Amino acid sequence: MVIVVSIIQTDHLTKIFDDVHAVDAISFSVEKGEIFGFLGPNGAGKTTTIKMLTTLLRPTKGKAIIADADIKTQRNKVRKSIGVVFQEPALDIELTGQENLDYHARMYGIPRDLRKSRITEVLTLVDLLQKKDKLVKVYSGGMKRRLEIARGLMHRPKVLFLDEPTLGLDAQTRHAIWEYVKRLNKEEETTIFLTTHYMDEAEYLCDRVGIIDHGKIRVLDTIDHLKNVVGNDVITVSCSKQEVFQSHVQNISWVKNIKHHDSFLTIGVEKGEEKIPVLITMAQELGITVHSISVHKPTLDDVFLHFTGHRIRSQDENNVAATLPPQFRGRR
């Protein structure tokens, strides 16, 4: 029998700004030791959720417990249990990497001897030990991000919050950060709560993901289970008379699901390549012109589209397009 221990538990957590529900009654749990991802476009409510969980914003309604501490009534206890790396850098660039960590450790009351050994440990973990005496202002963007992660680990937090940890970094640096996150999760046994709008990042790092859009959690599960909901294969069809075609296709026994979008249909099936000729023949018999048709294995982009009705990049085009698989780039 496997006993699941939740280190984060939220219940109808809500944040309202004026009349806008930035976070709308979300309830979820995060298991101890897992890497949990919040996946959604900019403005979906990811950062607001993190700010509430890290006690920087008071919830309008609802509650949350982190490491057995209430975020509203036991704020100091929560803060001792967590580390945070926000989107915006918060390093003193006129100090060295080691000095930044030492200052942070003093704020947490870590004794001097323990500070020294811990600084060495975390700098080694993020591969910055040889750069510890360099001023942060000469660090690259990736080095600064790694130093911020190291700083968040100084007091051995039970939960580390990473808010868009690779935003704005080049592909090689992003992959390096991913490896450091995996390593600290394993070696430090730290639970990771990650927000991202990068599909590949969520897929590579996360044990489970929650898709959040317009302040609501649309679905939460393992990535494999979410892909299985979409289908073993996804056929994308652009054709005339889409509604007519959909009404006929949805009654076919081997169609797992079908979704209508602005300019195309997505159809979840098994053995998709075998089904394409059948669909083309059906379209011809109905007098429907097929403009394009393709098949691919489901991705998180398909999952997001399935549960929200739009692609994540439709709200954040410039930042996300480069991270998607080639077959999705340029598609509307």
C-alpha atoms as a PDB file:
ATOM      1  CA  MET A   1       0.000   0.000   0.000  1.00  0.00           C
ATOM      2  CA  VAL A   2       1.415   3.372  -1.089  1.00  0.00           C
ATOM      3  CA  ILE A   3       0.802   6.238   1.312  1.00  0.00           C
ATOM      4  CA  VAL A   4       0.583   9.605  -0.462  1.00  0.00           C
ATOM      5  CA  VAL A   5       1.775  12.555   1.603  1.00  0.00           C
ATOM      6  CA  SER A   6       0.634  15.989   0.433  1.00  0.00           C
ATOM      7  CA  ILE A   7       3.077  18.773   1.218  1.00  0.00           C
ATOM      8  CA  ILE A   8       0.840  21.409  -0.427  1.00  0.00           C
ATOM      9  CA  GLN A   9      -2.936  21.364  -0.131  1.00  0.00           C
ATOM     10  CA  THR A  10      -5.209  24.122  -1.411  1.00  0.00           C
ATOM     11  CA  ASP A  11      -8.954  24.461  -0.999  1.00  0.00           C
ATOM     12  CA  HIS A  12     -10.878  26.914  -3.233  1.00  0.00           C
ATOM     13  CA  LEU A  13      -7.936  29.325  -3.212  1.00  0.00           C
ATOM     14  CA  THR A  14      -9.093  32.621  -4.723  1.00  0.00           C
ATOM     15  CA  LYS A  15      -7.623  36.024  -5.495  1.00  0.00           C
ATOM     16  CA  ILE A  16      -9.797  38.853  -6.792  1.00  0.00           C
ATOM     17  CA  PHE A  17      -8.399  42.178  -7.998  1.00  0.00           C
ATOM     18  CA  ASP A  18     -11.273  44.649  -8.290  1.00  0.00           C
ATOM     19  CA  ASP A  19     -13.770  42.512 -10.243  1.00  0.00           C
ATOM     20  CA  VAL A  20     -11.191  40.252 -11.874  1.00  0.00           C
ATOM     21  CA  HIS A  21     -10.817  36.695 -10.589  1.00  0.00           C
ATOM     22  CA  ALA A  22      -7.066  36.275 -11.146  1.00  0.00           C
ATOM     23  CA  VAL A  23      -7.245  32.917  -9.360  1.00  0.00           C
ATOM     24  CA  ASP A  24     -10.684  31.380  -9.234  1.00  0.00           C
ATOM     25  CA  ALA A  25     -11.375  28.855  -6.444  1.00  0.00           C
ATOM     26  CA  ILE A  26      -8.617  26.387  -7.290  1.00  0.00           C
ATOM     27  CA  SER A  27      -8.183  23.189  -5.275  1.00  0.00           C
ATOM     28  CA  PHE A  28      -5.245  20.821  -5.708  1.00  0.00           C
ATOM     29  CA  SER A  29      -2.515  19.009  -3.813  1.00  0.00           C
ATOM     30  CA  VAL A  30       1.193  18.453  -4.384  1.00  0.00           C
ATOM     31  CA  GLU A  31       2.837  15.269  -3.175  1.00  0.00           C
ATOM     32  CA  LYS A  32       6.006  15.318  -1.139  1.00  0.00           C
ATOM     33  CA  GLY A  33       9.069  14.862  -3.340  1.00  0.00           C
ATOM     34  CA  GLU A  34       7.409  15.406  -6.712  1.00  0.00           C
ATOM     35  CA  ILE A  35       8.011  17.999  -9.413  1.00  0.00           C
ATOM     36  CA  PHE A  36       4.617  19.580  -9.952  1.00  0.00           C
ATOM     37  CA  GLY A  37       3.979  21.946 -12.844  1.00  0.00           C
ATOM     38  CA  PHE A  38       1.463  24.715 -13.400  1.00  0.00           C
ATOM     39  CA  LEU A  39       1.133  25.060 -17.158  1.00  0.00           C
ATOM     40  CA  GLY A  40      -0.576  28.063 -18.714  1.00  0.00           C
ATOM     41  CA  PRO A  41      -0.133  31.252 -20.754  1.00  0.00           C
ATOM     42  CA  ASN A  42       0.942  34.569 -19.310  1.00  0.00           C
ATOM     43  CA  GLY A  43      -1.933  36.024 -17.316  1.00  0.00           C
ATOM     44  CA  ALA A  44      -3.440  32.621 -16.510  1.00  0.00           C
ATOM     45  CA  GLY A  45      -2.954  33.026 -12.752  1.00  0.00           C
ATOM     46  CA  LYS A  46       0.285  31.104 -12.241  1.00  0.00           C
ATOM     47  CA  THR A  47       2.342  33.852 -10.604  1.00  0.00           C
ATOM     48  CA  THR A  48      -0.594  35.047  -8.498  1.00  0.00           C
ATOM     49  CA  THR A  49      -0.980  31.507  -7.172  1.00  0.00           C
ATOM     50  CA  ILE A  50       2.700  31.315  -6.259  1.00  0.00           C
ATOM     51  CA  LYS A  51       2.556  34.692  -4.536  1.00  0.00           C
ATOM     52  CA  MET A  52      -0.329  33.496  -2.378  1.00  0.00           C
ATOM     53  CA  LEU A  53       1.380  30.202  -1.564  1.00  0.00           C
ATOM     54  CA  THR A  54       4.595  32.015  -0.612  1.00  0.00           C
ATOM     55  CA  THR A  55       2.652  34.482   1.625  1.00  0.00           C
ATOM     56  CA  LEU A  56       3.356  37.544  -0.533  1.00  0.00           C
ATOM     57  CA  LEU A  57      -0.350  37.963  -1.346  1.00  0.00           C
ATOM     58  CA  ARG A  58      -3.258  37.294   0.960  1.00  0.00           C
ATOM     59  CA  PRO A  59      -5.995  35.159  -0.607  1.00  0.00           C
ATOM     60  CA  THR A  60      -9.391  36.756  -1.058  1.00  0.00           C
ATOM     61  CA  LYS A  61     -11.020  33.424  -0.218  1.00  0.00           C
ATOM     62  CA  GLY A  62     -10.065  29.826   0.389  1.00  0.00           C
ATOM     63  CA  LYS A  63      -7.074  28.341   2.164  1.00  0.00           C
ATOM     64  CA  ALA A  64      -3.776  26.582   1.609  1.00  0.00           C
ATOM     65  CA  ILE A  65      -1.518  24.477   3.811  1.00  0.00           C
ATOM     66  CA  ILE A  66       2.201  24.098   3.089  1.00  0.00           C
ATOM     67  CA  ALA A  67       4.284  21.672   5.154  1.00  0.00           C
ATOM     68  CA  ASP A  68       1.551  21.663   7.813  1.00  0.00           C
ATOM     69  CA  ALA A  69       1.470  25.474   8.043  1.00  0.00           C
ATOM     70  CA  ASP A  70      -1.436  27.737   7.062  1.00  0.00           C
ATOM     71  CA  ILE A  71      -0.468  30.471   4.597  1.00  0.00           C
ATOM     72  CA  LYS A  72      -2.761  32.990   6.315  1.00  0.00           C
ATOM     73  CA  THR A  73      -2.242  32.276  10.025  1.00  0.00           C
ATOM     74  CA  GLN A  74       1.267  30.755  10.102  1.00  0.00           C
ATOM     75  CA  ARG A  75       3.088  32.872   7.567  1.00  0.00           C
ATOM     76  CA  ASN A  76       6.524  32.760   9.254  1.00  0.00           C
ATOM     77  CA  LYS A  77       6.369  28.990   9.565  1.00  0.00           C
ATOM     78  CA  VAL A  78       5.503  28.732   5.864  1.00  0.00           C
ATOM     79  CA  ARG A  79       8.434  30.978   4.914  1.00  0.00           C
ATOM     80  CA  LYS A  80      10.893  28.804   6.828  1.00  0.00           C
ATOM     81  CA  SER A  81       9.736  25.779   4.833  1.00  0.00           C
ATOM     82  CA  ILE A  82       9.978  27.253   1.344  1.00  0.00           C
ATOM     83  CA  GLY A  83      12.466  28.648  -1.152  1.00  0.00           C
ATOM     84  CA  VAL A  84      11.409  30.920  -3.995  1.00  0.00           C
ATOM     85  CA  VAL A  85      12.863  31.866  -7.382  1.00  0.00           C
ATOM     86  CA  PHE A  86      10.679  34.493  -9.027  1.00  0.00           C
ATOM     87  CA  GLN A  87      10.637  35.603 -12.658  1.00  0.00           C
ATOM     88  CA  GLU A  88      12.363  38.897 -11.895  1.00  0.00           C
ATOM     89  CA  PRO A  89      16.005  38.629 -10.766  1.00  0.00           C
ATOM     90  CA  ALA A  90      16.654  39.583  -7.145  1.00  0.00           C
ATOM     91  CA  LEU A  91      20.423  39.338  -6.842  1.00  0.00           C
ATOM     92  CA  ASP A  92      22.832  42.053  -5.720  1.00  0.00           C
ATOM     93  CA  ILE A  93      25.036  42.374  -8.788  1.00  0.00           C
ATOM     94  CA  GLU A  94      27.701  44.320  -6.857  1.00  0.00           C
ATOM     95  CA  LEU A  95      28.346  41.293  -4.610  1.00  0.00           C
ATOM     96  CA  THR A  96      30.015  38.025  -5.543  1.00  0.00           C
ATOM     97  CA  GLY A  97      28.040  34.831  -5.894  1.00  0.00           C
ATOM     98  CA  GLN A  98      29.324  33.636  -2.535  1.00  0.00           C
ATOM     99  CA  GLU A  99      28.453  36.943  -0.857  1.00  0.00           C
ATOM    100  CA  ASN A 100      24.905  36.807  -2.188  1.00  0.00           C
ATOM    101  CA  LEU A 101      24.440  33.359  -0.673  1.00  0.00           C
ATOM    102  CA  ASP A 102      26.089  34.341   2.600  1.00  0.00           C
ATOM    103  CA  TYR A 103      23.788  37.351   2.968  1.00  0.00           C
ATOM    104  CA  HIS A 104      20.737  35.187   2.297  1.00  0.00           C
ATOM    105  CA  ALA A 105      21.905  32.591   4.834  1.00  0.00           C
ATOM    106  CA  ARG A 106      22.364  35.268   7.497  1.00  0.00           C
ATOM    107  CA  MET A 107      18.779  36.400   6.923  1.00  0.00           C
ATOM    108  CA  TYR A 108      17.685  32.863   7.805  1.00  0.00           C
ATOM    109  CA  GLY A 109      19.915  32.754  10.883  1.00  0.00           C
ATOM    110  CA  ILE A 110      22.159  29.958   9.602  1.00  0.00           C
ATOM    111  CA  PRO A 111      25.308  29.672  11.790  1.00  0.00           C
ATOM    112  CA  ARG A 112      28.638  30.711  10.248  1.00  0.00           C
ATOM    113  CA  ASP A 113      30.255  27.261  10.027  1.00  0.00           C
ATOM    114  CA  LEU A 114      27.112  25.784   8.515  1.00  0.00           C
ATOM    115  CA  ARG A 115      26.864  28.703   6.098  1.00  0.00           C
ATOM    116  CA  LYS A 116      30.280  27.969   4.611  1.00  0.00           C
ATOM    117  CA  SER A 117      29.645  24.286   4.058  1.00  0.00           C
ATOM    118  CA  ARG A 118      26.167  24.895   2.722  1.00  0.00           C
ATOM    119  CA  ILE A 119      27.370  27.547   0.260  1.00  0.00           C
ATOM    120  CA  THR A 120      29.889  25.055  -1.096  1.00  0.00           C
ATOM    121  CA  GLU A 121      27.185  22.383  -1.387  1.00  0.00           C
ATOM    122  CA  VAL A 122      24.683  24.476  -3.311  1.00  0.00           C
ATOM    123  CA  LEU A 123      27.270  26.115  -5.565  1.00  0.00           C
ATOM    124  CA  THR A 124      28.575  22.659  -6.447  1.00  0.00           C
ATOM    125  CA  LEU A 125      25.034  21.506  -7.167  1.00  0.00           C
ATOM    126  CA  VAL A 126      24.497  24.280  -9.740  1.00  0.00           C
ATOM    127  CA  ASP A 127      28.076  24.140 -11.078  1.00  0.00           C
ATOM    128  CA  LEU A 128      29.105  27.613  -9.913  1.00  0.00           C
ATOM    129  CA  LEU A 129      31.737  26.811  -7.301  1.00  0.00           C
ATOM    130  CA  GLN A 130      34.563  28.018  -9.561  1.00  0.00           C
ATOM    131  CA  LYS A 131      32.724  31.334 -10.068  1.00  0.00           C
ATOM    132  CA  LYS A 132      31.899  32.011  -6.424  1.00  0.00           C
ATOM    133  CA  ASP A 133      34.310  34.958  -6.105  1.00  0.00           C
ATOM    134  CA  LYS A 134      33.205  36.678  -9.307  1.00  0.00           C
ATOM    135  CA  LEU A 135      30.885  39.691  -9.104  1.00  0.00           C
ATOM    136  CA  VAL A 136      27.378  38.757 -10.146  1.00  0.00           C
ATOM    137  CA  LYS A 137      27.295  41.625 -12.646  1.00  0.00           C
ATOM    138  CA  VAL A 138      29.693  39.651 -14.881  1.00  0.00           C
ATOM    139  CA  TYR A 139      27.571  36.470 -14.716  1.00  0.00           C
ATOM    140  CA  SER A 140      25.647  35.367 -17.785  1.00  0.00           C
ATOM    141  CA  GLY A 141      21.851  35.124 -17.630  1.00  0.00           C
ATOM    142  CA  GLY A 142      22.027  31.387 -17.088  1.00  0.00           C
ATOM    143  CA  MET A 143      24.599  31.723 -14.310  1.00  0.00           C
ATOM    144  CA  LYS A 144      22.417  34.265 -12.521  1.00  0.00           C
ATOM    145  CA  ARG A 145      19.439  31.933 -12.755  1.00  0.00           C
ATOM    146  CA  ARG A 146      21.462  29.066 -11.330  1.00  0.00           C
ATOM    147  CA  LEU A 147      22.698  31.282  -8.503  1.00  0.00           C
ATOM    148  CA  GLU A 148      19.118  32.230  -7.662  1.00  0.00           C
ATOM    149  CA  ILE A 149      18.198  28.559  -7.501  1.00  0.00           C
ATOM    150  CA  ALA A 150      21.202  27.934  -5.237  1.00  0.00           C
ATOM    151  CA  ARG A 151      20.106  30.801  -2.993  1.00  0.00           C
ATOM    152  CA  GLY A 152      16.615  29.344  -2.736  1.00  0.00           C
ATOM    153  CA  LEU A 153      18.159  26.080  -1.488  1.00  0.00           C
ATOM    154  CA  MET A 154      20.443  27.575   1.177  1.00  0.00           C
ATOM    155  CA  HIS A 155      18.129  26.888   4.132  1.00  0.00           C
ATOM    156  CA  ARG A 156      17.131  23.412   2.885  1.00  0.00           C
ATOM    157  CA  PRO A 157      13.504  24.249   2.068  1.00  0.00           C
ATOM    158  CA  LYS A 158      10.902  21.511   1.949  1.00  0.00           C
ATOM    159  CA  VAL A 159       9.359  23.133  -1.136  1.00  0.00           C
ATOM    160  CA  LEU A 160      11.111  25.186  -3.819  1.00  0.00           C
ATOM    161  CA  PHE A 161       8.913  27.436  -5.954  1.00  0.00           C
ATOM    162  CA  LEU A 162      10.251  28.194  -9.437  1.00  0.00           C
ATOM    163  CA  ASP A 163       8.254  30.812 -11.324  1.00  0.00           C
ATOM    164  CA  GLU A 164       9.088  30.581 -15.052  1.00  0.00           C
ATOM    165  CA  PRO A 165      12.682  29.523 -14.231  1.00  0.00           C
ATOM    166  CA  THR A 166      14.004  29.595 -17.814  1.00  0.00           C
ATOM    167  CA  LEU A 167      12.128  32.581 -19.177  1.00  0.00           C
ATOM    168  CA  GLY A 168      14.271  34.477 -21.689  1.00  0.00           C
ATOM    169  CA  LEU A 169      17.154  32.000 -21.653  1.00  0.00           C
ATOM    170  CA  ASP A 170      18.621  30.383 -24.758  1.00  0.00           C
ATOM    171  CA  ALA A 171      17.868  26.728 -25.524  1.00  0.00           C
ATOM    172  CA  GLN A 172      21.200  25.359 -24.304  1.00  0.00           C
ATOM    173  CA  THR A 173      20.980  27.218 -20.996  1.00  0.00           C
ATOM    174  CA  ARG A 174      17.358  26.171 -20.528  1.00  0.00           C
ATOM    175  CA  HIS A 175      18.312  22.510 -20.857  1.00  0.00           C
ATOM    176  CA  ALA A 176      21.144  22.997 -18.363  1.00  0.00           C
ATOM    177  CA  ILE A 177      18.725  24.519 -15.846  1.00  0.00           C
ATOM    178  CA  TRP A 178      16.409  21.540 -16.326  1.00  0.00           C
ATOM    179  CA  GLU A 179      19.219  19.176 -15.397  1.00  0.00           C
ATOM    180  CA  TYR A 180      19.985  21.176 -12.248  1.00  0.00           C
ATOM    181  CA  VAL A 181      16.316  21.127 -11.250  1.00  0.00           C
ATOM    182  CA  LYS A 182      16.177  17.345 -11.725  1.00  0.00           C
ATOM    183  CA  ARG A 183      19.353  16.920  -9.706  1.00  0.00           C
ATOM    184  CA  LEU A 184      18.268  19.059  -6.761  1.00  0.00           C
ATOM    185  CA  ASN A 185      14.919  17.271  -6.664  1.00  0.00           C
ATOM    186  CA  LYS A 186      16.753  13.958  -6.386  1.00  0.00           C
ATOM    187  CA  GLU A 187      19.793  14.875  -4.307  1.00  0.00           C
ATOM    188  CA  GLU A 188      18.176  17.439  -2.005  1.00  0.00           C
ATOM    189  CA  GLU A 189      14.834  15.557  -1.893  1.00  0.00           C
ATOM    190  CA  THR A 190      13.153  18.914  -2.435  1.00  0.00           C
ATOM    191  CA  THR A 191       9.585  19.167  -3.668  1.00  0.00           C
ATOM    192  CA  ILE A 192       9.457  21.451  -6.715  1.00  0.00           C
ATOM    193  CA  PHE A 193       6.489  23.644  -7.642  1.00  0.00           C
ATOM    194  CA  LEU A 194       7.144  24.945 -11.138  1.00  0.00           C
ATOM    195  CA  THR A 195       5.202  27.379 -13.298  1.00  0.00           C
ATOM    196  CA  THR A 196       5.851  27.544 -17.016  1.00  0.00           C
ATOM    197  CA  HIS A 197       4.294  28.247 -20.381  1.00  0.00           C
ATOM    198  CA  TYR A 198       6.908  26.138 -22.157  1.00  0.00           C
ATOM    199  CA  MET A 199       5.422  22.794 -23.208  1.00  0.00           C
ATOM    200  CA  ASP A 200       8.786  21.046 -23.522  1.00  0.00           C
ATOM    201  CA  GLU A 201       9.825  22.254 -20.075  1.00  0.00           C
ATOM    202  CA  ALA A 202       6.714  20.861 -18.394  1.00  0.00           C
ATOM    203  CA  GLU A 203       7.017  17.580 -20.285  1.00  0.00           C
ATOM    204  CA  TYR A 204      10.677  17.096 -19.403  1.00  0.00           C
ATOM    205  CA  LEU A 205      10.520  18.055 -15.738  1.00  0.00           C
ATOM    206  CA  CYS A 206       7.101  17.405 -14.267  1.00  0.00           C
ATOM    207  CA  ASP A 207       5.653  14.302 -12.642  1.00  0.00           C
ATOM    208  CA  ARG A 208       2.204  15.891 -12.864  1.00  0.00           C
ATOM    209  CA  VAL A 209       0.860  19.090 -14.386  1.00  0.00           C
ATOM    210  CA  GLY A 210      -2.136  21.262 -13.742  1.00  0.00           C
ATOM    211  CA  ILE A 211      -3.358  23.239 -16.744  1.00  0.00           C
ATOM    212  CA  ILE A 212      -4.521  26.671 -15.591  1.00  0.00           C
ATOM    213  CA  ASP A 213      -6.321  29.139 -17.840  1.00  0.00           C
ATOM    214  CA  HIS A 214      -8.176  32.331 -16.907  1.00  0.00           C
ATOM    215  CA  GLY A 215      -7.613  31.598 -13.227  1.00  0.00           C
ATOM    216  CA  LYS A 216      -9.179  28.120 -13.279  1.00  0.00           C
ATOM    217  CA  ILE A 217      -7.584  24.690 -13.246  1.00  0.00           C
ATOM    218  CA  ARG A 218      -8.919  22.937 -16.322  1.00  0.00           C
ATOM    219  CA  VAL A 219      -7.371  19.536 -15.641  1.00  0.00           C
ATOM    220  CA  LEU A 220      -4.682  17.981 -13.432  1.00  0.00           C
ATOM    221  CA  ASP A 221      -2.963  14.635 -13.993  1.00  0.00           C
ATOM    222  CA  THR A 222       0.212  12.938 -15.138  1.00  0.00           C
ATOM    223  CA  ILE A 223       1.345  13.891 -18.632  1.00  0.00           C
ATOM    224  CA  ASP A 224       0.913  10.342 -19.925  1.00  0.00           C
ATOM    225  CA  HIS A 225      -2.681  10.173 -18.685  1.00  0.00           C
ATOM    226  CA  LEU A 226      -3.495  13.561 -20.183  1.00  0.00           C
ATOM    227  CA  LYS A 227      -2.102  12.523 -23.558  1.00  0.00           C
ATOM    228  CA  ASN A 228      -4.102   9.320 -23.405  1.00  0.00           C
ATOM    229  CA  VAL A 229      -7.290  11.368 -23.031  1.00  0.00           C
ATOM    230  CA  VAL A 230      -6.503  13.078 -26.321  1.00  0.00           C
ATOM    231  CA  GLY A 231      -5.800   9.787 -28.115  1.00  0.00           C
ATOM    232  CA  ASN A 232      -2.935   7.562 -29.209  1.00  0.00           C
ATOM    233  CA  ASP A 233      -2.722   9.624 -32.407  1.00  0.00           C
ATOM    234  CA  VAL A 234      -4.069  13.059 -33.300  1.00  0.00           C
ATOM    235  CA  ILE A 235      -5.351  13.707 -36.817  1.00  0.00           C
ATOM    236  CA  THR A 236      -5.614  17.372 -37.760  1.00  0.00           C
ATOM    237  CA  VAL A 237      -7.998  18.169 -40.621  1.00  0.00           C
ATOM    238  CA  SER A 238      -8.673  21.448 -42.414  1.00  0.00           C
ATOM    239  CA  CYS A 239     -11.672  21.146 -44.714  1.00  0.00           C
ATOM    240  CA  SER A 240     -14.816  22.777 -46.038  1.00  0.00           C
ATOM    241  CA  LYS A 241     -18.127  22.215 -44.198  1.00  0.00           C
ATOM    242  CA  GLN A 242     -16.330  21.418 -40.944  1.00  0.00           C
ATOM    243  CA  GLU A 243     -19.501  21.107 -38.884  1.00  0.00           C
ATOM    244  CA  VAL A 244     -21.007  18.620 -41.368  1.00  0.00           C
ATOM    245  CA  PHE A 245     -17.816  16.566 -41.372  1.00  0.00           C
ATOM    246  CA  GLN A 246     -17.645  16.631 -37.570  1.00  0.00           C
ATOM    247  CA  SER A 247     -21.250  15.425 -37.204  1.00  0.00           C
ATOM    248  CA  HIS A 248     -20.476  12.351 -39.313  1.00  0.00           C
ATOM    249  CA  VAL A 249     -17.017  11.599 -37.897  1.00  0.00           C
ATOM    250  CA  GLN A 250     -18.055  11.788 -34.247  1.00  0.00           C
ATOM    251  CA  ASN A 251     -20.342   8.779 -34.706  1.00  0.00           C
ATOM    252  CA  ILE A 252     -17.520   6.495 -35.869  1.00  0.00           C
ATOM    253  CA  SER A 253     -16.737   3.837 -33.247  1.00  0.00           C
ATOM    254  CA  TRP A 254     -12.943   4.223 -33.448  1.00  0.00           C
ATOM    255  CA  VAL A 255     -12.987   7.997 -32.922  1.00  0.00           C
ATOM    256  CA  LYS A 256     -11.966   8.645 -29.328  1.00  0.00           C
ATOM    257  CA  ASN A 257     -12.787  12.352 -29.413  1.00  0.00           C
ATOM    258  CA  ILE A 258     -13.195  15.159 -31.914  1.00  0.00           C
ATOM    259  CA  LYS A 259     -12.819  18.884 -31.326  1.00  0.00           C
ATOM    260  CA  HIS A 260     -13.800  21.777 -33.590  1.00  0.00           C
ATOM    261  CA  HIS A 261     -11.471  24.771 -33.677  1.00  0.00           C
ATOM    262  CA  ASP A 262     -11.532  27.979 -35.697  1.00  0.00           C
ATOM    263  CA  SER A 263      -9.943  26.600 -38.850  1.00  0.00           C
ATOM    264  CA  PHE A 264      -9.461  22.884 -38.276  1.00  0.00           C
ATOM    265  CA  LEU A 265     -10.647  19.739 -36.506  1.00  0.00           C
ATOM    266  CA  THR A 266      -8.594  17.521 -34.210  1.00  0.00           C
ATOM    267  CA  ILE A 267      -9.537  13.848 -34.017  1.00  0.00           C
ATOM    268  CA  GLY A 268      -8.168  11.446 -31.410  1.00  0.00           C
ATOM    269  CA  VAL A 269      -7.783   7.890 -32.712  1.00  0.00           C
ATOM    270  CA  GLU A 270      -5.607   4.792 -32.626  1.00  0.00           C
ATOM    271  CA  LYS A 271      -3.421   3.888 -35.625  1.00  0.00           C
ATOM    272  CA  GLY A 272      -3.954   7.297 -37.164  1.00  0.00           C
ATOM    273  CA  GLU A 273      -2.138   6.627 -40.425  1.00  0.00           C
ATOM    274  CA  GLU A 274      -4.606   3.839 -41.244  1.00  0.00           C
ATOM    275  CA  LYS A 275      -7.569   6.129 -40.559  1.00  0.00           C
ATOM    276  CA  ILE A 276      -6.562   8.983 -42.867  1.00  0.00           C
ATOM    277  CA  PRO A 277      -7.666   7.259 -46.122  1.00  0.00           C
ATOM    278  CA  VAL A 278     -11.005   6.373 -44.484  1.00  0.00           C
ATOM    279  CA  LEU A 279     -11.599  10.012 -43.486  1.00  0.00           C
ATOM    280  CA  ILE A 280     -10.650  11.300 -46.943  1.00  0.00           C
ATOM    281  CA  THR A 281     -13.047   8.849 -48.595  1.00  0.00           C
ATOM    282  CA  MET A 282     -15.839   9.884 -46.227  1.00  0.00           C
ATOM    283  CA  ALA A 283     -15.201  13.552 -47.003  1.00  0.00           C
ATOM    284  CA  GLN A 284     -15.358  12.906 -50.753  1.00  0.00           C
ATOM    285  CA  GLU A 285     -18.662  11.035 -50.384  1.00  0.00           C
ATOM    286  CA  LEU A 286     -20.086  14.008 -48.482  1.00  0.00           C
ATOM    287  CA  GLY A 287     -18.865  16.497 -51.077  1.00  0.00           C
ATOM    288  CA  ILE A 288     -16.388  18.007 -48.614  1.00  0.00           C
ATOM    289  CA  THR A 289     -13.027  19.366 -49.778  1.00  0.00           C
ATOM    290  CA  VAL A 290     -10.055  18.409 -47.584  1.00  0.00           C
ATOM    291  CA  HIS A 291      -7.510  21.236 -47.635  1.00  0.00           C
ATOM    292  CA  SER A 292      -4.942  19.479 -45.445  1.00  0.00           C
ATOM    293  CA  ILE A 293      -4.707  16.444 -43.192  1.00  0.00           C
ATOM    294  CA  SER A 294      -1.887  15.189 -40.955  1.00  0.00           C
ATOM    295  CA  VAL A 295      -1.281  12.813 -38.058  1.00  0.00           C
ATOM    296  CA  HIS A 296       1.087  12.959 -35.096  1.00  0.00           C
ATOM    297  CA  LYS A 297       1.511  11.607 -31.595  1.00  0.00           C
ATOM    298  CA  PRO A 298      -0.221  13.770 -28.961  1.00  0.00           C
ATOM    299  CA  THR A 299       1.829  16.482 -27.266  1.00  0.00           C
ATOM    300  CA  LEU A 300       1.095  18.763 -24.356  1.00  0.00           C
ATOM    301  CA  ASP A 301       0.067  21.365 -26.908  1.00  0.00           C
ATOM    302  CA  ASP A 302      -2.695  18.984 -28.029  1.00  0.00           C
ATOM    303  CA  VAL A 303      -3.674  18.451 -24.401  1.00  0.00           C
ATOM    304  CA  PHE A 304      -3.857  22.187 -23.771  1.00  0.00           C
ATOM    305  CA  LEU A 305      -5.897  22.700 -26.941  1.00  0.00           C
ATOM    306  CA  HIS A 306      -8.230  19.852 -26.003  1.00  0.00           C
ATOM    307  CA  PHE A 307      -9.052  21.191 -22.541  1.00  0.00           C
ATOM    308  CA  THR A 308      -9.007  24.952 -23.187  1.00  0.00           C
ATOM    309  CA  GLY A 309     -10.040  25.292 -26.826  1.00  0.00           C
ATOM    310  CA  HIS A 310      -6.956  27.268 -27.832  1.00  0.00           C
ATOM    311  CA  ARG A 311      -3.217  26.807 -28.084  1.00  0.00           C
ATOM    312  CA  ILE A 312      -1.122  28.249 -25.319  1.00  0.00           C
ATOM    313  CA  ARG A 313       0.867  30.342 -27.805  1.00  0.00           C
ATOM    314  CA  SER A 314      -2.262  32.074 -29.110  1.00  0.00           C
ATOM    315  CA  GLN A 315      -1.999  34.258 -26.001  1.00  0.00           C
ATOM    316  CA  ASP A 316       1.798  34.405 -25.852  1.00  0.00           C
ATOM    317  CA  GLU A 317       2.987  34.066 -29.436  1.00  0.00           C
ATOM    318  CA  ASN A 318       6.507  35.412 -29.311  1.00  0.00           C
ATOM    319  CA  ASN A 319       7.747  33.628 -26.210  1.00  0.00           C
ATOM    320  CA  VAL A 320       6.363  30.190 -26.898  1.00  0.00           C
ATOM    321  CA  ALA A 321       6.509  29.584 -30.645  1.00  0.00           C
ATOM    322  CA  ALA A 322      10.163  28.625 -30.675  1.00  0.00           C
ATOM    323  CA  THR A 323       9.630  25.871 -28.082  1.00  0.00           C
ATOM    324  CA  LEU A 324       6.922  23.985 -29.949  1.00  0.00           C
ATOM    325  CA  PRO A 325       7.554  20.960 -32.182  1.00  0.00           C
ATOM    326  CA  PRO A 326       8.101  21.931 -35.844  1.00  0.00           C
ATOM    327  CA  GLN A 327       4.695  20.657 -36.999  1.00  0.00           C
ATOM    328  CA  PHE A 328       2.960  23.321 -34.888  1.00  0.00           C
ATOM    329  CA  ARG A 329       5.022  26.353 -35.821  1.00  0.00           C
ATOM    330  CA  GLY A 330       3.120  28.754 -38.034  1.00  0.00           C
ATOM    331  CA  ARG A 331      -0.241  27.050 -37.542  1.00  0.00           C
ATOM    332  CA  ARG A 332      -3.257  29.047 -36.411  1.00  0.00           C
END
